[in-house]
């Protein structure tokens, strides 16, 4: 069975199914019959029965964590975000551009956890950071001089047709 990738689990529905299995077992059903009725494995029914014996009925309502526990806690994520806001130059890089490899190194330096670039991207999305393209303009750019050049110099350099009265050769029909 298992959970297909990308499908979110309905934990309330899973708890209802465990409680339904418990009710059927209390009515005298065999684990194999319960498993067939609910479309689950017999091993799951037996595991739930043991869990109920140890923890009682409330133990069936509790849902364990789905998947591996995260290696980074909330304080680690805040620490990473603060370091990201300081910029890559604070870590000795020459440009102000965060790449995934730089983020991987940052996470390893700050928290001691090594991730792949793919997982570093997931952490950036979790922090609500998005991919940004640098503007690519020089810091020394003089906007007033650029506007003046476009207004005065560019019209003089722009090519104009010499004589727009003559028809082009393509517009003449062969007789």
N, C-alpha and C. Protein backbone atom coordinates (compact mmCIF):
# COMPACT_ATOMS: atom_id res chain seq x y z
N UNK A 1 0.83 -1.17 0.00
CA UNK A 1 0.00 0.00 0.00
C UNK A 1 0.88 1.24 0.00
N UNK A 2 0.98 1.91 1.13
CA UNK A 2 1.81 3.11 1.21
C UNK A 2 1.05 4.35 0.79
N UNK A 3 1.77 5.43 0.76
CA UNK A 3 1.17 6.72 0.41
C UNK A 3 1.84 7.21 -0.86
N UNK A 4 1.07 7.42 -1.94
CA UNK A 4 1.68 7.94 -3.17
C UNK A 4 2.33 9.29 -2.93
N UNK A 5 3.42 9.54 -3.63
CA UNK A 5 4.15 10.80 -3.45
C UNK A 5 3.25 11.99 -3.75
N UNK A 6 3.32 12.99 -2.88
CA UNK A 6 2.59 14.21 -3.11
C UNK A 6 1.14 14.19 -2.63
N UNK A 7 0.65 13.04 -2.15
CA UNK A 7 -0.73 12.94 -1.68
C UNK A 7 -0.75 13.24 -0.19
N UNK A 8 -1.55 14.23 0.20
CA UNK A 8 -1.64 14.58 1.61
C UNK A 8 -2.54 13.57 2.31
N UNK A 9 -2.12 13.18 3.50
CA UNK A 9 -2.90 12.21 4.25
C UNK A 9 -4.01 12.91 5.03
N UNK A 10 -5.15 12.25 5.09
CA UNK A 10 -6.27 12.73 5.88
C UNK A 10 -6.19 12.03 7.23
N UNK A 11 -5.55 12.67 8.20
CA UNK A 11 -5.30 12.03 9.48
C UNK A 11 -6.58 11.76 10.26
N UNK A 12 -7.60 12.58 10.07
CA UNK A 12 -8.88 12.34 10.75
C UNK A 12 -9.54 11.08 10.21
N UNK A 13 -9.48 10.91 8.89
CA UNK A 13 -10.06 9.71 8.28
C UNK A 13 -9.31 8.46 8.73
N UNK A 14 -7.99 8.57 8.86
CA UNK A 14 -7.20 7.42 9.33
C UNK A 14 -7.58 7.07 10.76
N UNK A 15 -7.78 8.08 11.61
CA UNK A 15 -8.19 7.83 13.00
C UNK A 15 -9.57 7.18 13.03
N UNK A 16 -10.50 7.63 12.18
CA UNK A 16 -11.84 7.02 12.12
C UNK A 16 -11.74 5.55 11.72
N UNK A 17 -10.83 5.25 10.79
CA UNK A 17 -10.66 3.87 10.35
C UNK A 17 -10.11 2.99 11.47
N UNK A 18 -9.17 3.53 12.25
CA UNK A 18 -8.64 2.75 13.38
C UNK A 18 -9.73 2.48 14.41
N UNK A 19 -10.56 3.49 14.69
CA UNK A 19 -11.65 3.32 15.66
C UNK A 19 -12.70 2.34 15.13
N UNK A 20 -12.96 2.38 13.83
CA UNK A 20 -13.91 1.43 13.25
C UNK A 20 -13.37 0.00 13.37
N UNK A 21 -12.06 -0.15 13.14
CA UNK A 21 -11.45 -1.47 13.29
C UNK A 21 -11.59 -1.95 14.73
N UNK A 22 -11.41 -1.06 15.68
CA UNK A 22 -11.55 -1.41 17.09
C UNK A 22 -12.98 -1.87 17.40
N UNK A 23 -13.97 -1.16 16.86
CA UNK A 23 -15.37 -1.54 17.10
C UNK A 23 -15.66 -2.92 16.52
N UNK A 24 -15.16 -3.18 15.31
CA UNK A 24 -15.40 -4.48 14.69
C UNK A 24 -14.73 -5.60 15.48
N UNK A 25 -13.51 -5.34 15.98
CA UNK A 25 -12.82 -6.36 16.79
C UNK A 25 -13.58 -6.62 18.08
N UNK A 26 -14.13 -5.57 18.68
CA UNK A 26 -14.89 -5.74 19.93
C UNK A 26 -16.19 -6.52 19.70
N UNK A 27 -16.68 -6.54 18.46
CA UNK A 27 -17.88 -7.33 18.13
C UNK A 27 -17.54 -8.79 17.84
N UNK A 28 -16.25 -9.12 17.89
CA UNK A 28 -15.84 -10.51 17.69
C UNK A 28 -15.32 -10.83 16.30
N UNK A 29 -15.13 -9.84 15.47
CA UNK A 29 -14.58 -10.09 14.14
C UNK A 29 -13.12 -10.51 14.27
N UNK A 30 -12.67 -11.37 13.35
CA UNK A 30 -11.25 -11.75 13.30
C UNK A 30 -10.47 -10.64 12.59
N UNK A 31 -9.18 -10.49 12.91
CA UNK A 31 -8.37 -9.45 12.26
C UNK A 31 -8.38 -9.54 10.73
N UNK A 32 -8.40 -10.75 10.18
CA UNK A 32 -8.43 -10.87 8.71
C UNK A 32 -9.74 -10.35 8.14
N UNK A 33 -10.87 -10.57 8.85
CA UNK A 33 -12.16 -10.06 8.39
C UNK A 33 -12.19 -8.52 8.45
N UNK A 34 -11.65 -7.96 9.53
CA UNK A 34 -11.59 -6.50 9.67
C UNK A 34 -10.74 -5.91 8.55
N UNK A 35 -9.61 -6.56 8.29
CA UNK A 35 -8.71 -6.07 7.24
C UNK A 35 -9.41 -6.08 5.89
N UNK A 36 -10.11 -7.15 5.58
CA UNK A 36 -10.84 -7.22 4.30
C UNK A 36 -11.94 -6.17 4.24
N UNK A 37 -12.66 -6.00 5.32
CA UNK A 37 -13.76 -5.04 5.36
C UNK A 37 -13.27 -3.60 5.14
N UNK A 38 -12.14 -3.26 5.75
CA UNK A 38 -11.64 -1.88 5.69
C UNK A 38 -10.62 -1.65 4.58
N UNK A 39 -10.21 -2.70 3.90
CA UNK A 39 -9.24 -2.55 2.81
C UNK A 39 -7.84 -2.23 3.30
N UNK A 40 -7.45 -2.87 4.41
CA UNK A 40 -6.13 -2.65 4.99
C UNK A 40 -5.46 -3.99 5.21
N UNK A 41 -4.24 -3.98 5.72
CA UNK A 41 -3.55 -5.25 5.96
C UNK A 41 -3.89 -5.79 7.35
N UNK A 42 -3.79 -7.10 7.47
CA UNK A 42 -4.03 -7.75 8.75
C UNK A 42 -3.01 -7.30 9.79
N UNK A 43 -1.78 -7.04 9.34
CA UNK A 43 -0.73 -6.58 10.25
C UNK A 43 -1.11 -5.24 10.88
N UNK A 44 -1.73 -4.35 10.10
CA UNK A 44 -2.16 -3.05 10.64
C UNK A 44 -3.22 -3.26 11.70
N UNK A 45 -4.16 -4.16 11.44
CA UNK A 45 -5.22 -4.43 12.42
C UNK A 45 -4.61 -4.93 13.72
N UNK A 46 -3.65 -5.86 13.62
CA UNK A 46 -3.00 -6.39 14.82
C UNK A 46 -2.20 -5.32 15.55
N UNK A 47 -1.54 -4.46 14.81
CA UNK A 47 -0.77 -3.38 15.43
C UNK A 47 -1.71 -2.44 16.18
N UNK A 48 -2.84 -2.10 15.57
CA UNK A 48 -3.81 -1.22 16.23
C UNK A 48 -4.40 -1.87 17.47
N UNK A 49 -4.61 -3.20 17.41
CA UNK A 49 -5.16 -3.91 18.56
C UNK A 49 -4.17 -3.85 19.73
N UNK A 50 -2.88 -4.06 19.44
CA UNK A 50 -1.85 -3.95 20.49
C UNK A 50 -1.78 -2.52 21.04
N UNK A 51 -1.87 -1.54 20.14
CA UNK A 51 -1.82 -0.14 20.55
C UNK A 51 -2.99 0.19 21.46
N UNK A 52 -4.17 -0.33 21.15
CA UNK A 52 -5.34 -0.08 21.98
C UNK A 52 -5.19 -0.77 23.33
N UNK A 53 -4.59 -1.96 23.34
CA UNK A 53 -4.39 -2.67 24.61
C UNK A 53 -3.44 -1.90 25.52
N UNK A 54 -2.43 -1.25 24.94
CA UNK A 54 -1.44 -0.51 25.73
C UNK A 54 -1.95 0.87 26.15
N UNK A 55 -2.58 1.60 25.24
CA UNK A 55 -2.93 3.00 25.47
C UNK A 55 -4.42 3.25 25.63
N UNK A 56 -5.23 2.23 25.39
CA UNK A 56 -6.66 2.43 25.44
C UNK A 56 -7.17 3.04 24.14
N UNK A 57 -8.48 3.30 24.10
CA UNK A 57 -9.09 3.84 22.89
C UNK A 57 -8.50 5.20 22.50
N UNK A 58 -8.16 6.10 23.45
CA UNK A 58 -7.55 7.37 23.03
C UNK A 58 -6.23 7.18 22.27
N UNK A 59 -5.55 6.07 22.51
CA UNK A 59 -4.31 5.80 21.81
C UNK A 59 -4.51 5.60 20.32
N UNK A 60 -5.72 5.18 19.93
CA UNK A 60 -6.02 5.01 18.50
C UNK A 60 -6.28 6.35 17.82
N UNK A 61 -6.71 7.35 18.61
CA UNK A 61 -6.98 8.66 18.03
C UNK A 61 -5.69 9.42 17.74
N UNK A 62 -4.65 9.13 18.53
CA UNK A 62 -3.38 9.82 18.32
C UNK A 62 -2.77 9.37 17.00
N UNK A 63 -2.23 10.33 16.31
CA UNK A 63 -1.60 10.02 15.03
C UNK A 63 -0.12 10.30 15.16
N UNK A 64 0.68 9.34 14.78
CA UNK A 64 2.13 9.54 14.77
C UNK A 64 2.52 10.46 13.62
N UNK A 65 3.70 10.94 13.68
CA UNK A 65 4.20 11.84 12.66
C UNK A 65 4.36 11.09 11.34
N UNK A 66 3.96 11.72 10.24
CA UNK A 66 4.13 11.14 8.91
C UNK A 66 5.50 11.54 8.39
N UNK A 67 6.33 10.59 8.12
CA UNK A 67 7.65 10.88 7.56
C UNK A 67 8.71 11.13 8.62
N UNK A 68 9.88 11.42 8.13
CA UNK A 68 11.03 11.65 8.99
C UNK A 68 10.91 12.98 9.72
N UNK A 69 11.42 13.02 10.95
CA UNK A 69 11.41 14.28 11.70
C UNK A 69 12.39 15.25 11.06
N UNK A 70 12.03 16.53 11.02
CA UNK A 70 12.93 17.51 10.40
C UNK A 70 14.21 17.68 11.21
N UNK A 71 15.31 17.91 10.53
CA UNK A 71 16.59 18.10 11.20
C UNK A 71 16.75 19.53 11.70
N UNK A 72 15.98 20.45 11.14
CA UNK A 72 16.07 21.85 11.54
C UNK A 72 14.81 22.25 12.31
N UNK A 73 15.01 22.88 13.43
CA UNK A 73 13.89 23.38 14.22
C UNK A 73 13.55 24.80 13.84
N UNK A 74 12.55 25.36 14.52
CA UNK A 74 12.11 26.72 14.23
C UNK A 74 13.23 27.73 14.49
N UNK A 75 14.01 27.51 15.56
CA UNK A 75 15.10 28.45 15.86
C UNK A 75 16.19 28.37 14.78
N UNK A 76 16.43 27.15 14.26
CA UNK A 76 17.41 27.00 13.17
C UNK A 76 16.95 27.76 11.93
N UNK A 77 15.66 27.66 11.62
CA UNK A 77 15.14 28.35 10.44
C UNK A 77 15.24 29.86 10.60
N UNK A 78 14.98 30.36 11.80
CA UNK A 78 15.13 31.81 12.04
C UNK A 78 16.59 32.23 11.88
N UNK A 79 17.50 31.38 12.36
CA UNK A 79 18.93 31.66 12.25
C UNK A 79 19.35 31.69 10.77
N UNK A 80 18.85 30.75 9.99
CA UNK A 80 19.18 30.70 8.56
C UNK A 80 18.64 31.93 7.85
N UNK A 81 17.40 32.32 8.18
CA UNK A 81 16.81 33.48 7.52
C UNK A 81 17.59 34.76 7.86
N UNK A 82 18.01 34.87 9.10
CA UNK A 82 18.80 36.05 9.49
C UNK A 82 20.10 36.10 8.70
N UNK A 83 20.74 34.93 8.52
CA UNK A 83 21.98 34.88 7.76
C UNK A 83 21.74 35.19 6.28
N UNK A 84 20.60 34.73 5.76
CA UNK A 84 20.27 35.03 4.36
C UNK A 84 20.08 36.53 4.18
N UNK A 85 19.45 37.18 5.14
CA UNK A 85 19.20 38.62 5.05
C UNK A 85 20.50 39.42 5.11
N UNK A 86 21.51 38.89 5.79
CA UNK A 86 22.81 39.60 5.83
C UNK A 86 23.46 39.61 4.46
N UNK A 87 23.12 38.65 3.62
CA UNK A 87 23.64 38.60 2.25
C UNK A 87 24.86 37.73 2.12
N UNK A 88 25.13 37.29 0.90
CA UNK A 88 26.28 36.41 0.66
C UNK A 88 27.62 37.09 0.88
N UNK A 89 27.65 38.42 0.76
CA UNK A 89 28.90 39.13 0.97
C UNK A 89 29.40 38.96 2.40
N UNK A 90 28.47 38.81 3.35
CA UNK A 90 28.84 38.63 4.76
C UNK A 90 29.58 37.31 4.97
N UNK A 91 29.40 36.36 4.05
CA UNK A 91 30.09 35.08 4.14
C UNK A 91 31.36 35.06 3.28
N UNK A 92 31.67 36.18 2.66
CA UNK A 92 32.91 36.27 1.90
C UNK A 92 32.75 36.14 0.40
N UNK A 93 31.52 36.03 -0.09
CA UNK A 93 31.32 35.94 -1.54
C UNK A 93 31.43 37.33 -2.14
N UNK A 94 31.84 37.40 -3.41
CA UNK A 94 32.07 38.69 -4.04
C UNK A 94 30.79 39.31 -4.59
N UNK A 95 29.78 38.49 -4.88
CA UNK A 95 28.53 39.02 -5.43
C UNK A 95 27.41 38.87 -4.42
N UNK A 96 26.37 39.64 -4.61
CA UNK A 96 25.21 39.60 -3.72
C UNK A 96 24.15 38.63 -4.19
N UNK A 97 24.55 37.56 -4.82
CA UNK A 97 23.61 36.61 -5.40
C UNK A 97 23.63 35.30 -4.60
N UNK A 98 22.46 34.91 -4.09
CA UNK A 98 22.36 33.62 -3.40
C UNK A 98 22.13 32.53 -4.44
N UNK A 99 23.00 31.54 -4.46
CA UNK A 99 22.77 30.35 -5.28
C UNK A 99 22.44 29.21 -4.33
N UNK A 100 21.89 28.14 -4.86
CA UNK A 100 21.53 27.01 -3.99
C UNK A 100 22.77 26.41 -3.32
N UNK A 101 23.88 26.38 -4.04
CA UNK A 101 25.10 25.84 -3.42
C UNK A 101 25.57 26.71 -2.27
N UNK A 102 25.42 28.01 -2.42
CA UNK A 102 25.79 28.92 -1.33
C UNK A 102 24.85 28.73 -0.15
N UNK A 103 23.57 28.51 -0.43
CA UNK A 103 22.60 28.29 0.65
C UNK A 103 22.93 26.98 1.37
N UNK A 104 23.32 25.95 0.62
CA UNK A 104 23.71 24.68 1.24
C UNK A 104 24.87 24.90 2.20
N UNK A 105 25.88 25.67 1.76
CA UNK A 105 27.03 25.95 2.63
C UNK A 105 26.61 26.77 3.84
N UNK A 106 25.71 27.71 3.64
CA UNK A 106 25.22 28.54 4.74
C UNK A 106 24.54 27.68 5.80
N UNK A 107 23.66 26.77 5.36
CA UNK A 107 22.94 25.91 6.30
C UNK A 107 23.92 25.02 7.06
N UNK A 108 24.91 24.52 6.36
CA UNK A 108 25.90 23.66 7.02
C UNK A 108 26.72 24.45 8.04
N UNK A 109 27.11 25.68 7.69
CA UNK A 109 27.89 26.51 8.62
C UNK A 109 27.06 26.93 9.83
N UNK A 110 25.81 27.32 9.60
CA UNK A 110 24.97 27.84 10.68
C UNK A 110 24.43 26.74 11.59
N UNK A 111 24.03 25.60 10.99
CA UNK A 111 23.31 24.58 11.77
C UNK A 111 23.99 23.23 11.81
N UNK A 112 25.04 23.05 11.01
CA UNK A 112 25.74 21.76 11.02
C UNK A 112 24.99 20.65 10.31
N UNK A 113 24.03 21.00 9.47
CA UNK A 113 23.25 20.00 8.74
C UNK A 113 23.55 20.16 7.26
N UNK A 114 23.88 19.04 6.60
CA UNK A 114 24.21 19.10 5.17
C UNK A 114 23.01 18.64 4.36
N UNK A 115 22.58 19.51 3.46
CA UNK A 115 21.46 19.21 2.57
C UNK A 115 21.92 19.25 1.13
N UNK A 116 21.11 18.67 0.25
CA UNK A 116 21.35 18.78 -1.18
C UNK A 116 20.78 20.12 -1.65
N UNK A 117 21.19 20.60 -2.81
CA UNK A 117 20.60 21.84 -3.33
C UNK A 117 19.07 21.77 -3.47
N UNK A 118 18.55 20.59 -3.82
CA UNK A 118 17.10 20.44 -3.96
C UNK A 118 16.42 20.70 -2.61
N UNK A 119 16.98 20.14 -1.54
CA UNK A 119 16.35 20.34 -0.23
C UNK A 119 16.58 21.76 0.27
N UNK A 120 17.69 22.36 -0.09
CA UNK A 120 17.92 23.77 0.27
C UNK A 120 16.84 24.64 -0.37
N UNK A 121 16.44 24.31 -1.59
CA UNK A 121 15.37 25.06 -2.26
C UNK A 121 14.06 24.89 -1.49
N UNK A 122 13.78 23.67 -0.98
CA UNK A 122 12.57 23.45 -0.19
C UNK A 122 12.58 24.30 1.07
N UNK A 123 13.73 24.42 1.69
CA UNK A 123 13.83 25.24 2.90
C UNK A 123 13.61 26.71 2.56
N UNK A 124 14.17 27.17 1.44
CA UNK A 124 13.95 28.56 1.01
C UNK A 124 12.46 28.82 0.77
N UNK A 125 11.78 27.86 0.16
CA UNK A 125 10.33 28.03 -0.07
C UNK A 125 9.58 28.02 1.25
N UNK A 126 10.02 27.19 2.19
CA UNK A 126 9.40 27.16 3.51
C UNK A 126 9.54 28.51 4.20
N UNK A 127 10.67 29.17 3.97
CA UNK A 127 10.90 30.50 4.54
C UNK A 127 10.25 31.60 3.71
N UNK A 128 9.53 31.20 2.66
CA UNK A 128 8.84 32.11 1.75
C UNK A 128 9.80 32.99 0.95
N UNK A 129 10.98 32.44 0.64
CA UNK A 129 11.92 33.11 -0.25
C UNK A 129 11.64 32.58 -1.65
N UNK A 130 11.78 33.44 -2.65
CA UNK A 130 11.52 33.02 -4.03
C UNK A 130 12.73 33.32 -4.89
N UNK A 131 12.71 32.72 -6.06
CA UNK A 131 13.79 32.92 -7.02
C UNK A 131 13.70 34.33 -7.58
N UNK A 132 14.78 35.06 -7.54
CA UNK A 132 14.81 36.42 -8.06
C UNK A 132 15.98 36.55 -9.04
N UNK A 133 15.74 37.22 -10.13
CA UNK A 133 16.83 37.49 -11.07
C UNK A 133 17.42 38.86 -10.73
N UNK A 134 18.75 38.95 -10.73
CA UNK A 134 19.33 40.27 -10.46
C UNK A 134 19.00 41.23 -11.60
N UNK A 135 18.89 42.51 -11.26
CA UNK A 135 18.53 43.53 -12.23
C UNK A 135 19.62 43.65 -13.29
N UNK A 136 20.85 43.52 -12.92
CA UNK A 136 21.95 43.56 -13.89
C UNK A 136 22.31 44.96 -14.34
N UNK A 137 22.11 45.94 -13.49
CA UNK A 137 22.48 47.31 -13.82
C UNK A 137 23.68 47.73 -12.99
N UNK A 138 24.53 48.52 -13.59
CA UNK A 138 25.74 48.98 -12.91
C UNK A 138 25.37 49.92 -11.76
N UNK A 139 26.12 49.86 -10.70
CA UNK A 139 25.90 50.75 -9.57
C UNK A 139 26.19 52.20 -9.94
N UNK A 140 27.10 52.39 -10.91
CA UNK A 140 27.50 53.73 -11.33
C UNK A 140 26.55 54.33 -12.35
N UNK A 141 25.46 53.69 -12.66
CA UNK A 141 24.52 54.10 -13.69
C UNK A 141 23.95 55.50 -13.39
N UNK A 142 23.97 56.37 -14.41
CA UNK A 142 23.46 57.74 -14.27
C UNK A 142 22.16 57.84 -15.07
N UNK A 143 21.04 57.73 -14.36
CA UNK A 143 19.73 57.71 -15.01
C UNK A 143 19.44 59.00 -15.77
N UNK A 144 19.83 60.14 -15.23
CA UNK A 144 19.57 61.43 -15.90
C UNK A 144 20.33 61.50 -17.23
N UNK A 145 21.57 61.05 -17.26
CA UNK A 145 22.37 61.08 -18.49
C UNK A 145 21.77 60.13 -19.53
N UNK A 146 21.24 59.00 -19.07
CA UNK A 146 20.63 58.04 -20.00
C UNK A 146 19.38 58.65 -20.64
N UNK A 147 18.54 59.28 -19.83
CA UNK A 147 17.33 59.92 -20.37
C UNK A 147 17.69 61.02 -21.38
N UNK A 148 18.70 61.80 -21.05
CA UNK A 148 19.14 62.88 -21.94
C UNK A 148 19.66 62.31 -23.26
N UNK A 149 20.44 61.24 -23.21
CA UNK A 149 20.97 60.61 -24.42
C UNK A 149 19.84 60.08 -25.29
N UNK A 150 18.85 59.43 -24.65
CA UNK A 150 17.72 58.90 -25.42
C UNK A 150 16.90 60.02 -26.07
N UNK A 151 16.78 61.16 -25.42
CA UNK A 151 15.98 62.26 -25.92
C UNK A 151 16.71 63.05 -27.01
N UNK A 152 18.03 63.26 -26.85
CA UNK A 152 18.77 64.13 -27.76
C UNK A 152 19.61 63.38 -28.79
N UNK A 153 20.41 62.46 -28.35
CA UNK A 153 21.39 61.83 -29.25
C UNK A 153 20.79 60.70 -30.08
N UNK A 154 19.94 59.88 -29.47
CA UNK A 154 19.40 58.70 -30.18
C UNK A 154 18.60 59.08 -31.43
N UNK A 155 17.75 60.09 -31.40
CA UNK A 155 17.02 60.44 -32.62
C UNK A 155 17.95 60.82 -33.78
N UNK A 156 19.10 61.42 -33.49
CA UNK A 156 20.05 61.79 -34.55
C UNK A 156 20.73 60.56 -35.14
N UNK A 157 20.95 59.54 -34.33
CA UNK A 157 21.64 58.34 -34.80
C UNK A 157 20.70 57.36 -35.49
N UNK A 158 19.42 57.44 -35.18
CA UNK A 158 18.45 56.50 -35.71
C UNK A 158 18.34 56.64 -37.21
N UNK A 159 18.36 55.52 -37.93
CA UNK A 159 18.28 55.56 -39.39
C UNK A 159 16.84 55.82 -39.81
N UNK A 160 16.72 56.63 -40.86
CA UNK A 160 15.41 56.94 -41.43
C UNK A 160 15.44 56.56 -42.91
N UNK A 161 14.30 56.17 -43.46
CA UNK A 161 14.30 55.88 -44.90
C UNK A 161 14.59 57.16 -45.70
N UNK A 162 15.43 57.03 -46.77
CA UNK A 162 15.84 58.22 -47.55
C UNK A 162 14.65 58.83 -48.28
N UNK A 163 13.93 58.02 -49.02
CA UNK A 163 12.82 58.55 -49.79
C UNK A 163 11.65 57.60 -49.65
N UNK A 164 10.68 57.98 -48.89
CA UNK A 164 9.57 57.07 -48.64
C UNK A 164 8.53 57.13 -49.76
N UNK A 165 8.71 58.04 -50.76
CA UNK A 165 7.74 58.17 -51.84
C UNK A 165 7.88 57.06 -52.87
N UNK A 166 9.09 56.52 -53.06
CA UNK A 166 9.32 55.48 -54.05
C UNK A 166 8.70 54.17 -53.57
N UNK A 167 8.02 53.47 -54.45
CA UNK A 167 7.50 52.16 -54.06
C UNK A 167 8.63 51.14 -54.01
N UNK A 168 8.48 50.18 -53.19
CA UNK A 168 9.52 49.16 -53.11
C UNK A 168 9.41 48.23 -54.30
N UNK A 169 10.43 47.50 -54.57
CA UNK A 169 10.44 46.60 -55.72
C UNK A 169 9.47 45.46 -55.52
N UNK A 170 9.15 45.15 -54.32
CA UNK A 170 8.24 44.04 -54.06
C UNK A 170 6.78 44.42 -54.33
N UNK A 171 6.50 45.70 -54.30
CA UNK A 171 5.12 46.10 -54.49
C UNK A 171 4.73 46.23 -55.98
N UNK A 172 5.70 46.17 -56.88
CA UNK A 172 5.42 46.29 -58.31
C UNK A 172 5.00 44.93 -58.86
N UNK A 173 3.96 44.92 -59.66
CA UNK A 173 3.49 43.67 -60.25
C UNK A 173 4.17 43.48 -61.59
N UNK A 174 4.54 42.27 -61.87
CA UNK A 174 5.12 41.96 -63.17
C UNK A 174 3.97 41.89 -64.18
N UNK A 175 4.11 42.59 -65.27
CA UNK A 175 3.02 42.75 -66.21
C UNK A 175 2.98 41.76 -67.21
